[in-house]
């Protein structure tokens, strides 16, 4: 009887933990712009810079008052967003040094990757067909993480 209760409790804990692993909701470019501008960032539509890449439908850059920036992309489909995520992740992994901290997750409709190394903080997050790209000097890591959290990415 005691063993059964322990097993039931373990199953309950696992189910409870997994319930938080659902899908994220992708934000729109207007949401990204609104949040960035509420933090005194200057935003710009950068879509024309990517006009030769038909799969990039929207590209927006947000530059902080301190000079660092974040980029937000809307791609034509999830497969291209996954490909862009993987390509940029490989580039970020090239910065790994002897002392680096990295986190990675992939659940449901999202993937994220963060790396602190070589004096940089890098973060990618894909939700559905959108991608948030951050590569900043480590001095701005906390500021970047705060904005990433507010965006839900």
N, C-alpha and C. Protein backbone atom coordinates (compact mmCIF):
# COMPACT_ATOMS: atom_id res chain seq x y z
N UNK A 1 0.82 -1.18 0.00
CA UNK A 1 0.00 0.00 0.00
C UNK A 1 0.87 1.26 0.00
N UNK A 2 1.90 1.24 0.82
CA UNK A 2 2.80 2.38 0.90
C UNK A 2 3.53 2.61 -0.43
N UNK A 3 3.96 1.51 -1.05
CA UNK A 3 4.66 1.59 -2.33
C UNK A 3 3.74 2.17 -3.39
N UNK A 4 2.46 1.79 -3.37
CA UNK A 4 1.48 2.30 -4.33
C UNK A 4 1.30 3.81 -4.17
N UNK A 5 1.25 4.28 -2.94
CA UNK A 5 1.10 5.72 -2.68
C UNK A 5 2.31 6.51 -3.18
N UNK A 6 3.48 5.93 -3.00
CA UNK A 6 4.70 6.59 -3.47
C UNK A 6 4.67 6.68 -4.99
N UNK A 7 4.28 5.61 -5.65
CA UNK A 7 4.21 5.60 -7.11
C UNK A 7 3.18 6.62 -7.60
N UNK A 8 2.01 6.65 -6.97
CA UNK A 8 0.98 7.62 -7.36
C UNK A 8 1.48 9.05 -7.17
N UNK A 9 2.19 9.29 -6.10
CA UNK A 9 2.72 10.63 -5.84
C UNK A 9 3.75 11.00 -6.90
N UNK A 10 4.59 10.07 -7.29
CA UNK A 10 5.59 10.35 -8.32
C UNK A 10 4.92 10.64 -9.66
N UNK A 11 3.91 9.87 -10.01
CA UNK A 11 3.17 10.11 -11.26
C UNK A 11 2.53 11.49 -11.22
N UNK A 12 1.95 11.86 -10.11
CA UNK A 12 1.33 13.18 -9.96
C UNK A 12 2.35 14.29 -10.15
N UNK A 13 3.52 14.15 -9.57
CA UNK A 13 4.57 15.17 -9.68
C UNK A 13 5.04 15.30 -11.12
N UNK A 14 5.21 14.19 -11.80
CA UNK A 14 5.64 14.23 -13.20
C UNK A 14 4.58 14.91 -14.06
N UNK A 15 3.32 14.56 -13.86
CA UNK A 15 2.24 15.19 -14.63
C UNK A 15 2.16 16.69 -14.35
N UNK A 16 2.35 17.07 -13.11
CA UNK A 16 2.33 18.48 -12.75
C UNK A 16 3.48 19.22 -13.42
N UNK A 17 4.66 18.63 -13.44
CA UNK A 17 5.82 19.26 -14.08
C UNK A 17 5.62 19.40 -15.58
N UNK A 18 5.04 18.40 -16.20
CA UNK A 18 4.84 18.43 -17.64
C UNK A 18 3.74 19.39 -18.06
N UNK A 19 2.84 19.70 -17.17
CA UNK A 19 1.74 20.60 -17.53
C UNK A 19 2.24 22.00 -17.86
N UNK A 20 3.41 22.38 -17.39
CA UNK A 20 3.97 23.69 -17.69
C UNK A 20 4.77 23.72 -18.98
N UNK A 21 4.81 22.63 -19.70
CA UNK A 21 5.64 22.52 -20.90
C UNK A 21 4.82 22.70 -22.17
N UNK A 22 3.76 23.44 -22.12
CA UNK A 22 2.91 23.62 -23.29
C UNK A 22 3.49 24.61 -24.26
N UNK A 23 2.69 24.93 -25.24
CA UNK A 23 3.10 25.84 -26.28
C UNK A 23 3.18 27.28 -25.78
N UNK A 24 4.10 28.02 -26.34
CA UNK A 24 4.19 29.46 -26.10
C UNK A 24 3.36 30.15 -27.18
N UNK A 25 3.00 31.37 -26.91
CA UNK A 25 2.29 32.16 -27.90
C UNK A 25 3.27 33.10 -28.57
N UNK A 26 3.35 33.03 -29.88
CA UNK A 26 4.23 33.93 -30.64
C UNK A 26 3.67 35.34 -30.57
N UNK A 27 4.56 36.30 -30.49
CA UNK A 27 4.13 37.70 -30.50
C UNK A 27 4.19 38.22 -31.93
N UNK A 28 3.51 39.32 -32.15
CA UNK A 28 3.55 40.00 -33.45
C UNK A 28 4.66 41.04 -33.42
N UNK A 29 5.06 41.48 -34.58
CA UNK A 29 6.08 42.53 -34.68
C UNK A 29 5.64 43.77 -33.90
N UNK A 30 4.36 44.10 -33.96
CA UNK A 30 3.86 45.27 -33.24
C UNK A 30 4.04 45.12 -31.73
N UNK A 31 3.92 43.89 -31.20
CA UNK A 31 4.15 43.65 -29.78
C UNK A 31 5.62 43.85 -29.44
N UNK A 32 6.51 43.33 -30.28
CA UNK A 32 7.94 43.50 -30.07
C UNK A 32 8.29 44.99 -30.06
N UNK A 33 7.78 45.71 -31.03
CA UNK A 33 8.05 47.15 -31.15
C UNK A 33 7.53 47.90 -29.93
N UNK A 34 6.32 47.58 -29.51
CA UNK A 34 5.70 48.26 -28.38
C UNK A 34 6.50 48.05 -27.09
N UNK A 35 6.88 46.81 -26.81
CA UNK A 35 7.66 46.53 -25.60
C UNK A 35 9.01 47.22 -25.67
N UNK A 36 9.69 47.13 -26.80
CA UNK A 36 11.01 47.75 -26.95
C UNK A 36 10.91 49.27 -26.76
N UNK A 37 9.94 49.89 -27.39
CA UNK A 37 9.80 51.34 -27.29
C UNK A 37 9.41 51.77 -25.88
N UNK A 38 8.71 50.92 -25.14
CA UNK A 38 8.38 51.25 -23.74
C UNK A 38 9.62 51.29 -22.86
N UNK A 39 10.72 50.71 -23.36
CA UNK A 39 12.02 50.74 -22.66
C UNK A 39 12.97 51.73 -23.32
N UNK A 40 12.43 52.66 -24.07
CA UNK A 40 13.20 53.73 -24.74
C UNK A 40 14.11 53.23 -25.85
N UNK A 41 13.81 52.07 -26.41
CA UNK A 41 14.55 51.59 -27.57
C UNK A 41 14.05 52.32 -28.80
N UNK A 42 14.93 52.45 -29.77
CA UNK A 42 14.54 52.98 -31.08
C UNK A 42 14.38 51.77 -31.98
N UNK A 43 13.21 51.65 -32.61
CA UNK A 43 12.95 50.50 -33.46
C UNK A 43 12.96 50.90 -34.93
N UNK A 44 13.33 49.95 -35.76
CA UNK A 44 13.37 50.20 -37.20
C UNK A 44 12.99 48.93 -37.95
N UNK A 45 12.24 49.12 -39.00
CA UNK A 45 11.91 48.01 -39.89
C UNK A 45 13.14 47.73 -40.75
N UNK A 46 13.65 46.53 -40.65
CA UNK A 46 14.86 46.15 -41.40
C UNK A 46 14.55 45.14 -42.50
N UNK A 47 13.28 44.99 -42.84
CA UNK A 47 12.87 43.98 -43.82
C UNK A 47 13.56 44.15 -45.16
N UNK A 48 13.79 45.39 -45.57
CA UNK A 48 14.42 45.62 -46.87
C UNK A 48 15.84 45.06 -46.93
N UNK A 49 16.52 44.97 -45.79
CA UNK A 49 17.87 44.40 -45.76
C UNK A 49 17.86 42.90 -46.08
N UNK A 50 16.70 42.29 -45.93
CA UNK A 50 16.58 40.84 -46.14
C UNK A 50 15.70 40.52 -47.35
N UNK A 51 15.53 41.46 -48.25
CA UNK A 51 14.62 41.27 -49.39
C UNK A 51 15.04 40.11 -50.29
N UNK A 52 16.30 39.76 -50.29
CA UNK A 52 16.74 38.64 -51.13
C UNK A 52 16.42 37.28 -50.49
N UNK A 53 15.99 37.30 -49.22
CA UNK A 53 15.59 36.09 -48.52
C UNK A 53 14.06 36.06 -48.48
N UNK A 54 13.45 35.40 -49.43
CA UNK A 54 12.00 35.40 -49.56
C UNK A 54 11.29 34.85 -48.33
N UNK A 55 11.95 34.00 -47.57
CA UNK A 55 11.32 33.39 -46.41
C UNK A 55 11.25 34.34 -45.20
N UNK A 56 12.01 35.44 -45.22
CA UNK A 56 11.93 36.43 -44.14
C UNK A 56 10.87 37.45 -44.52
N UNK A 57 9.76 37.40 -43.81
CA UNK A 57 8.63 38.28 -44.12
C UNK A 57 8.74 39.63 -43.42
N UNK A 58 9.28 39.63 -42.20
CA UNK A 58 9.45 40.87 -41.45
C UNK A 58 10.73 40.78 -40.62
N UNK A 59 11.43 41.89 -40.53
CA UNK A 59 12.63 41.98 -39.68
C UNK A 59 12.60 43.34 -39.01
N UNK A 60 12.73 43.33 -37.69
CA UNK A 60 12.70 44.57 -36.92
C UNK A 60 13.89 44.59 -35.97
N UNK A 61 14.55 45.72 -35.91
CA UNK A 61 15.68 45.92 -35.01
C UNK A 61 15.28 46.92 -33.94
N UNK A 62 15.63 46.61 -32.70
CA UNK A 62 15.38 47.53 -31.60
C UNK A 62 16.72 47.84 -30.95
N UNK A 63 17.09 49.13 -30.94
CA UNK A 63 18.37 49.54 -30.38
C UNK A 63 18.14 50.27 -29.06
N UNK A 64 18.86 49.83 -28.04
CA UNK A 64 18.73 50.41 -26.70
C UNK A 64 19.41 51.77 -26.64
N UNK A 65 19.07 52.55 -25.64
CA UNK A 65 19.77 53.84 -25.45
C UNK A 65 21.28 53.65 -25.21
N UNK A 66 21.67 52.45 -24.74
CA UNK A 66 23.09 52.15 -24.49
C UNK A 66 23.82 51.65 -25.72
N UNK A 67 23.08 51.44 -26.82
CA UNK A 67 23.72 51.06 -28.07
C UNK A 67 23.64 49.59 -28.44
N UNK A 68 23.16 48.73 -27.56
CA UNK A 68 23.03 47.32 -27.93
C UNK A 68 21.66 47.10 -28.56
N UNK A 69 21.51 45.99 -29.27
CA UNK A 69 20.25 45.79 -29.99
C UNK A 69 19.75 44.35 -29.93
N UNK A 70 18.46 44.21 -30.23
CA UNK A 70 17.79 42.93 -30.38
C UNK A 70 17.16 42.92 -31.76
N UNK A 71 16.96 41.73 -32.30
CA UNK A 71 16.35 41.61 -33.61
C UNK A 71 15.18 40.63 -33.52
N UNK A 72 14.10 40.94 -34.24
CA UNK A 72 12.91 40.10 -34.24
C UNK A 72 12.51 39.81 -35.69
N UNK A 73 12.30 38.54 -35.98
CA UNK A 73 12.00 38.12 -37.35
C UNK A 73 10.68 37.34 -37.39
N UNK A 74 9.94 37.57 -38.45
CA UNK A 74 8.78 36.75 -38.78
C UNK A 74 9.09 36.07 -40.10
N UNK A 75 9.05 34.74 -40.10
CA UNK A 75 9.37 33.98 -41.30
C UNK A 75 8.10 33.41 -41.91
N UNK A 76 8.20 32.95 -43.15
CA UNK A 76 7.01 32.49 -43.86
C UNK A 76 6.42 31.20 -43.29
N UNK A 77 7.25 30.39 -42.63
CA UNK A 77 6.71 29.18 -42.00
C UNK A 77 7.65 28.70 -40.89
N UNK A 78 7.16 27.75 -40.14
CA UNK A 78 7.92 27.25 -39.00
C UNK A 78 9.20 26.54 -39.41
N UNK A 79 9.17 25.83 -40.52
CA UNK A 79 10.36 25.10 -40.98
C UNK A 79 11.52 26.06 -41.24
N UNK A 80 11.24 27.21 -41.84
CA UNK A 80 12.30 28.19 -42.09
C UNK A 80 12.76 28.84 -40.79
N UNK A 81 11.85 29.01 -39.84
CA UNK A 81 12.24 29.56 -38.55
C UNK A 81 13.15 28.58 -37.81
N UNK A 82 12.85 27.30 -37.87
CA UNK A 82 13.69 26.28 -37.26
C UNK A 82 15.08 26.29 -37.91
N UNK A 83 15.12 26.38 -39.22
CA UNK A 83 16.39 26.41 -39.94
C UNK A 83 17.22 27.64 -39.55
N UNK A 84 16.57 28.80 -39.48
CA UNK A 84 17.28 30.03 -39.10
C UNK A 84 17.77 29.93 -37.65
N UNK A 85 16.96 29.36 -36.78
CA UNK A 85 17.36 29.14 -35.39
C UNK A 85 18.61 28.26 -35.34
N UNK A 86 18.57 27.13 -36.03
CA UNK A 86 19.69 26.18 -36.00
C UNK A 86 20.97 26.79 -36.57
N UNK A 87 20.85 27.54 -37.65
CA UNK A 87 22.02 28.19 -38.26
C UNK A 87 22.66 29.17 -37.28
N UNK A 88 21.84 30.01 -36.65
CA UNK A 88 22.38 30.99 -35.71
C UNK A 88 22.91 30.33 -34.44
N UNK A 89 22.29 29.25 -34.02
CA UNK A 89 22.80 28.52 -32.86
C UNK A 89 24.21 28.00 -33.14
N UNK A 90 24.42 27.43 -34.33
CA UNK A 90 25.75 26.94 -34.70
C UNK A 90 26.78 28.08 -34.69
N UNK A 91 26.37 29.24 -35.15
CA UNK A 91 27.27 30.41 -35.14
C UNK A 91 27.61 30.78 -33.70
N UNK A 92 26.59 30.83 -32.84
CA UNK A 92 26.81 31.17 -31.43
C UNK A 92 27.73 30.14 -30.77
N UNK A 93 27.55 28.87 -31.08
CA UNK A 93 28.37 27.82 -30.47
C UNK A 93 29.84 27.99 -30.82
N UNK A 94 30.14 28.67 -31.91
CA UNK A 94 31.52 28.97 -32.27
C UNK A 94 32.20 29.92 -31.29
N UNK A 95 31.44 30.58 -30.44
CA UNK A 95 31.99 31.50 -29.44
C UNK A 95 32.28 30.81 -28.11
N UNK A 96 31.96 29.53 -28.00
CA UNK A 96 32.17 28.83 -26.74
C UNK A 96 33.64 28.86 -26.37
N UNK A 97 33.89 29.22 -25.13
CA UNK A 97 35.25 29.20 -24.60
C UNK A 97 35.33 28.18 -23.49
N UNK A 98 36.45 28.22 -22.78
CA UNK A 98 36.64 27.29 -21.66
C UNK A 98 35.64 27.57 -20.54
N UNK A 99 35.33 28.82 -20.34
CA UNK A 99 34.36 29.16 -19.30
C UNK A 99 33.14 29.78 -19.96
N UNK A 100 32.16 28.95 -20.15
CA UNK A 100 30.93 29.44 -20.76
C UNK A 100 29.75 28.78 -20.08
N UNK A 101 28.64 29.49 -20.09
CA UNK A 101 27.42 28.93 -19.55
C UNK A 101 26.38 28.91 -20.65
N UNK A 102 25.73 27.78 -20.81
CA UNK A 102 24.73 27.70 -21.86
C UNK A 102 23.50 26.96 -21.36
N UNK A 103 22.37 27.35 -21.92
CA UNK A 103 21.11 26.67 -21.66
C UNK A 103 20.41 26.45 -22.99
N UNK A 104 19.65 25.39 -23.04
CA UNK A 104 18.95 25.06 -24.27
C UNK A 104 17.66 24.33 -23.91
N UNK A 105 16.60 24.63 -24.66
CA UNK A 105 15.36 23.88 -24.47
C UNK A 105 14.58 23.86 -25.77
N UNK A 106 13.78 22.83 -25.90
CA UNK A 106 12.92 22.70 -27.06
C UNK A 106 11.69 21.91 -26.63
N UNK A 107 10.56 22.59 -26.56
CA UNK A 107 9.31 21.93 -26.20
C UNK A 107 8.19 22.52 -27.02
N UNK A 108 7.27 21.69 -27.38
CA UNK A 108 6.10 22.18 -28.11
C UNK A 108 6.49 22.95 -29.35
N UNK A 109 6.05 24.19 -29.43
CA UNK A 109 6.26 25.03 -30.61
C UNK A 109 7.43 25.99 -30.47
N UNK A 110 8.32 25.73 -29.51
CA UNK A 110 9.41 26.69 -29.30
C UNK A 110 10.74 26.01 -29.05
N UNK A 111 11.80 26.77 -29.35
CA UNK A 111 13.17 26.36 -29.06
C UNK A 111 13.90 27.59 -28.56
N UNK A 112 14.77 27.40 -27.57
CA UNK A 112 15.58 28.53 -27.10
C UNK A 112 16.99 28.06 -26.81
N UNK A 113 17.91 29.01 -26.92
CA UNK A 113 19.32 28.73 -26.69
C UNK A 113 19.97 30.00 -26.18
N UNK A 114 20.69 29.90 -25.08
CA UNK A 114 21.43 31.03 -24.52
C UNK A 114 22.86 30.60 -24.24
N UNK A 115 23.77 31.53 -24.47
CA UNK A 115 25.19 31.26 -24.23
C UNK A 115 25.85 32.53 -23.70
N UNK A 116 26.59 32.36 -22.60
CA UNK A 116 27.44 33.44 -22.08
C UNK A 116 28.87 32.97 -22.22
N UNK A 117 29.63 33.66 -23.06
CA UNK A 117 31.01 33.24 -23.31
C UNK A 117 31.74 34.34 -24.06
N UNK A 118 33.04 34.39 -23.91
CA UNK A 118 33.91 35.31 -24.65
C UNK A 118 33.46 36.76 -24.50
N UNK A 119 32.95 37.11 -23.31
CA UNK A 119 32.53 38.49 -23.06
C UNK A 119 31.21 38.86 -23.71
N UNK A 120 30.45 37.86 -24.17
CA UNK A 120 29.19 38.10 -24.86
C UNK A 120 28.06 37.33 -24.18
N UNK A 121 26.85 37.85 -24.35
CA UNK A 121 25.65 37.12 -23.99
C UNK A 121 24.84 36.98 -25.27
N UNK A 122 24.48 35.74 -25.61
CA UNK A 122 23.75 35.46 -26.84
C UNK A 122 22.49 34.67 -26.50
N UNK A 123 21.40 35.03 -27.17
CA UNK A 123 20.13 34.35 -26.92
C UNK A 123 19.33 34.25 -28.21
N UNK A 124 18.80 33.08 -28.46
CA UNK A 124 17.89 32.85 -29.58
C UNK A 124 16.63 32.22 -29.01
N UNK A 125 15.50 32.63 -29.53
CA UNK A 125 14.26 31.95 -29.18
C UNK A 125 13.35 31.96 -30.39
N UNK A 126 12.90 30.76 -30.74
CA UNK A 126 11.95 30.60 -31.83
C UNK A 126 10.62 30.16 -31.25
N UNK A 127 9.57 30.86 -31.61
CA UNK A 127 8.22 30.45 -31.27
C UNK A 127 7.44 30.44 -32.58
N UNK A 128 6.92 29.28 -32.93
CA UNK A 128 6.23 29.10 -34.22
C UNK A 128 7.13 29.59 -35.35
N UNK A 129 6.69 30.60 -36.09
CA UNK A 129 7.47 31.10 -37.23
C UNK A 129 8.18 32.42 -36.92
N UNK A 130 8.40 32.71 -35.63
CA UNK A 130 9.10 33.93 -35.24
C UNK A 130 10.43 33.59 -34.58
N UNK A 131 11.35 34.55 -34.61
CA UNK A 131 12.67 34.34 -34.01
C UNK A 131 13.15 35.63 -33.36
N UNK A 132 13.58 35.53 -32.11
CA UNK A 132 14.22 36.64 -31.41
C UNK A 132 15.72 36.35 -31.36
N UNK A 133 16.52 37.34 -31.75
CA UNK A 133 17.98 37.19 -31.84
C UNK A 133 18.62 38.27 -30.98
N UNK A 134 19.49 37.84 -30.06
CA UNK A 134 20.18 38.79 -29.19
C UNK A 134 21.65 38.38 -29.10
N UNK A 135 22.54 39.33 -29.35
CA UNK A 135 23.98 39.11 -29.19
C UNK A 135 24.53 40.43 -28.68
N UNK A 136 24.86 40.46 -27.37
CA UNK A 136 25.27 41.71 -26.73
C UNK A 136 26.52 41.49 -25.89
N UNK A 137 27.19 42.58 -25.59
CA UNK A 137 28.29 42.57 -24.66
C UNK A 137 27.75 42.07 -23.31
N UNK A 138 28.53 41.29 -22.60
CA UNK A 138 28.10 40.70 -21.33
C UNK A 138 27.65 41.75 -20.32
N UNK A 139 28.13 43.00 -20.46
CA UNK A 139 27.71 44.07 -19.55
C UNK A 139 26.20 44.32 -19.62
N UNK A 140 25.58 43.97 -20.73
CA UNK A 140 24.15 44.23 -20.93
C UNK A 140 23.30 42.98 -20.76
N UNK A 141 23.90 41.92 -20.27
CA UNK A 141 23.19 40.64 -20.13
C UNK A 141 21.92 40.78 -19.31
N UNK A 142 22.00 41.39 -18.14
CA UNK A 142 20.82 41.50 -17.28
C UNK A 142 19.72 42.33 -17.93
N UNK A 143 20.10 43.42 -18.58
CA UNK A 143 19.11 44.25 -19.29
C UNK A 143 18.45 43.47 -20.41
N UNK A 144 19.25 42.72 -21.14
CA UNK A 144 18.71 41.92 -22.25
C UNK A 144 17.77 40.85 -21.71
N UNK A 145 18.18 40.16 -20.65
CA UNK A 145 17.35 39.10 -20.08
C UNK A 145 16.02 39.65 -19.58
N UNK A 146 16.04 40.84 -19.02
CA UNK A 146 14.80 41.46 -18.53
C UNK A 146 13.83 41.68 -19.68
N UNK A 147 14.34 42.21 -20.78
CA UNK A 147 13.48 42.48 -21.94
C UNK A 147 13.02 41.17 -22.60
N UNK A 148 13.90 40.18 -22.67
CA UNK A 148 13.54 38.88 -23.23
C UNK A 148 12.40 38.28 -22.42
N UNK A 149 12.49 38.36 -21.12
CA UNK A 149 11.44 37.82 -20.25
C UNK A 149 10.12 38.56 -20.47
N UNK A 150 10.19 39.88 -20.58
CA UNK A 150 8.97 40.65 -20.80
C UNK A 150 8.32 40.29 -22.14
N UNK A 151 9.14 40.00 -23.13
CA UNK A 151 8.61 39.59 -24.44
C UNK A 151 8.05 38.16 -24.42
N UNK A 152 8.45 37.39 -23.42
CA UNK A 152 8.01 36.00 -23.34
C UNK A 152 8.82 35.07 -24.21
N UNK A 153 10.02 35.51 -24.55
CA UNK A 153 10.90 34.73 -25.41
C UNK A 153 12.17 34.32 -24.67
